[in-house]
C-alpha atoms as a PDB file:
ATOM      1  CA  UNK A   1      -0.001  -0.006   0.004  1.00  0.00           C
ATOM      2  CA  UNK A   2       1.338   3.407  -0.933  1.00  0.00           C
ATOM      3  CA  UNK A   3       2.037   5.938   1.825  1.00  0.00           C
ATOM      4  CA  UNK A   4      -0.774   8.167   0.480  1.00  0.00           C
ATOM      5  CA  UNK A   5      -3.292   5.311   0.582  1.00  0.00           C
ATOM      6  CA  UNK A   6      -2.196   4.385   4.090  1.00  0.00           C
ATOM      7  CA  UNK A   7      -2.789   7.956   5.295  1.00  0.00           C
ATOM      8  CA  UNK A   8      -6.189   8.081   3.573  1.00  0.00           C
ATOM      9  CA  UNK A   9      -7.189   4.759   5.170  1.00  0.00           C
ATOM     10  CA  UNK A  10      -6.155   5.939   8.635  1.00  0.00           C
ATOM     11  CA  UNK A  11      -8.150   9.165   8.218  1.00  0.00           C
ATOM     12  CA  UNK A  12     -11.264   7.320   7.069  1.00  0.00           C
ATOM     13  CA  UNK A  13     -11.046   4.736   9.839  1.00  0.00           C
ATOM     14  CA  UNK A  14     -10.698   7.459  12.481  1.00  0.00           C
ATOM     15  CA  UNK A  15     -13.509   9.654  11.088  1.00  0.00           C
ATOM     16  CA  UNK A  16     -16.858   9.649  12.898  1.00  0.00           C
ATOM     17  CA  UNK A  17     -19.340   7.106  11.572  1.00  0.00           C
ATOM     18  CA  UNK A  18     -22.555   8.137   9.824  1.00  0.00           C
ATOM     19  CA  UNK A  19     -21.380  11.731   9.276  1.00  0.00           C
ATOM     20  CA  UNK A  20     -20.446  13.934   6.376  1.00  0.00           C
ATOM     21  CA  UNK A  21     -16.705  14.638   6.260  1.00  0.00           C
ATOM     22  CA  UNK A  22     -14.390  16.746   4.151  1.00  0.00           C
ATOM     23  CA  UNK A  23     -10.827  15.799   3.330  1.00  0.00           C
ATOM     24  CA  UNK A  24      -8.208  18.210   2.064  1.00  0.00           C
ATOM     25  CA  UNK A  25      -7.804  18.247  -1.714  1.00  0.00           C
ATOM     26  CA  UNK A  26      -4.820  15.872  -1.469  1.00  0.00           C
ATOM     27  CA  UNK A  27      -6.800  13.707   0.973  1.00  0.00           C
ATOM     28  CA  UNK A  28      -4.091  13.929   3.620  1.00  0.00           C
ATOM     29  CA  UNK A  29      -6.170  15.674   6.327  1.00  0.00           C
ATOM     30  CA  UNK A  30      -9.681  15.657   7.727  1.00  0.00           C
ATOM     31  CA  UNK A  31     -10.780  19.297   7.531  1.00  0.00           C
ATOM     32  CA  UNK A  32     -14.466  19.235   8.474  1.00  0.00           C
ATOM     33  CA  UNK A  33     -17.205  17.055   9.968  1.00  0.00           C
ATOM     34  CA  UNK A  34     -20.927  17.734  10.045  1.00  0.00           C
ATOM     35  CA  UNK A  35     -24.484  16.476   9.888  1.00  0.00           C
ATOM     36  CA  UNK A  36     -25.119  17.487   6.274  1.00  0.00           C
ATOM     37  CA  UNK A  37     -23.302  18.259   3.040  1.00  0.00           C
ATOM     38  CA  UNK A  38     -23.902  22.009   3.196  1.00  0.00           C
ATOM     39  CA  UNK A  39     -22.493  22.326   6.696  1.00  0.00           C
ATOM     40  CA  UNK A  40     -19.343  20.398   5.788  1.00  0.00           C
ATOM     41  CA  UNK A  41     -18.896  22.323   2.554  1.00  0.00           C
ATOM     42  CA  UNK A  42     -19.125  25.652   4.415  1.00  0.00           C
ATOM     43  CA  UNK A  43     -16.674  24.478   7.093  1.00  0.00           C
ATOM     44  CA  UNK A  44     -14.210  23.238   4.466  1.00  0.00           C
ATOM     45  CA  UNK A  45     -14.410  26.549   2.589  1.00  0.00           C
ATOM     46  CA  UNK A  46     -13.855  28.442   5.852  1.00  0.00           C
ATOM     47  CA  UNK A  47     -10.773  26.281   6.473  1.00  0.00           C
ATOM     48  CA  UNK A  48      -9.401  27.339   3.065  1.00  0.00           C
ATOM     49  CA  UNK A  49     -10.174  24.029   1.360  1.00  0.00           C
ATOM     50  CA  UNK A  50     -12.263  25.112  -1.650  1.00  0.00           C
ATOM     51  CA  UNK A  51     -11.530  21.830  -3.471  1.00  0.00           C
ATOM     52  CA  UNK A  52     -12.207  19.497  -0.539  1.00  0.00           C
ATOM     53  CA  UNK A  53     -13.260  15.881  -1.069  1.00  0.00           C
ATOM     54  CA  UNK A  54     -16.646  15.546   0.653  1.00  0.00           C
ATOM     55  CA  UNK A  55     -18.221  12.210   1.482  1.00  0.00           C
ATOM     56  CA  UNK A  56     -20.493  10.485   3.957  1.00  0.00           C
ATOM     57  CA  UNK A  57     -19.054   7.801   6.189  1.00  0.00           C
ATOM     58  CA  UNK A  58     -21.038   4.586   6.616  1.00  0.00           C
ATOM     59  CA  UNK A  59     -22.904   3.728   9.811  1.00  0.00           C
ATOM     60  CA  UNK A  60     -20.358   0.940  10.274  1.00  0.00           C
ATOM     61  CA  UNK A  61     -17.282  -0.241   8.421  1.00  0.00           C
ATOM     62  CA  UNK A  62     -17.372  -3.647   6.779  1.00  0.00           C
ATOM     63  CA  UNK A  63     -14.402  -5.427   5.259  1.00  0.00           C
ATOM     64  CA  UNK A  64     -15.673  -4.302   1.846  1.00  0.00           C
ATOM     65  CA  UNK A  65     -15.960  -0.629   2.804  1.00  0.00           C
ATOM     66  CA  UNK A  66     -12.275   0.109   3.180  1.00  0.00           C
END
């Protein structure tokens, strides 16, 4: 596994479950967490991450999720 993928995996595994999250454009940092897309998008923009990667985490991780 590449170092970049390892970092991304660690971030995703440590992120809160069943939440919207924003990662930095290079996916090396968690920059925002929230209850809905709009909230996370606004927080990411406020943190200077206008090209953030926004996604929703699952309610639980399965071996196929990560």
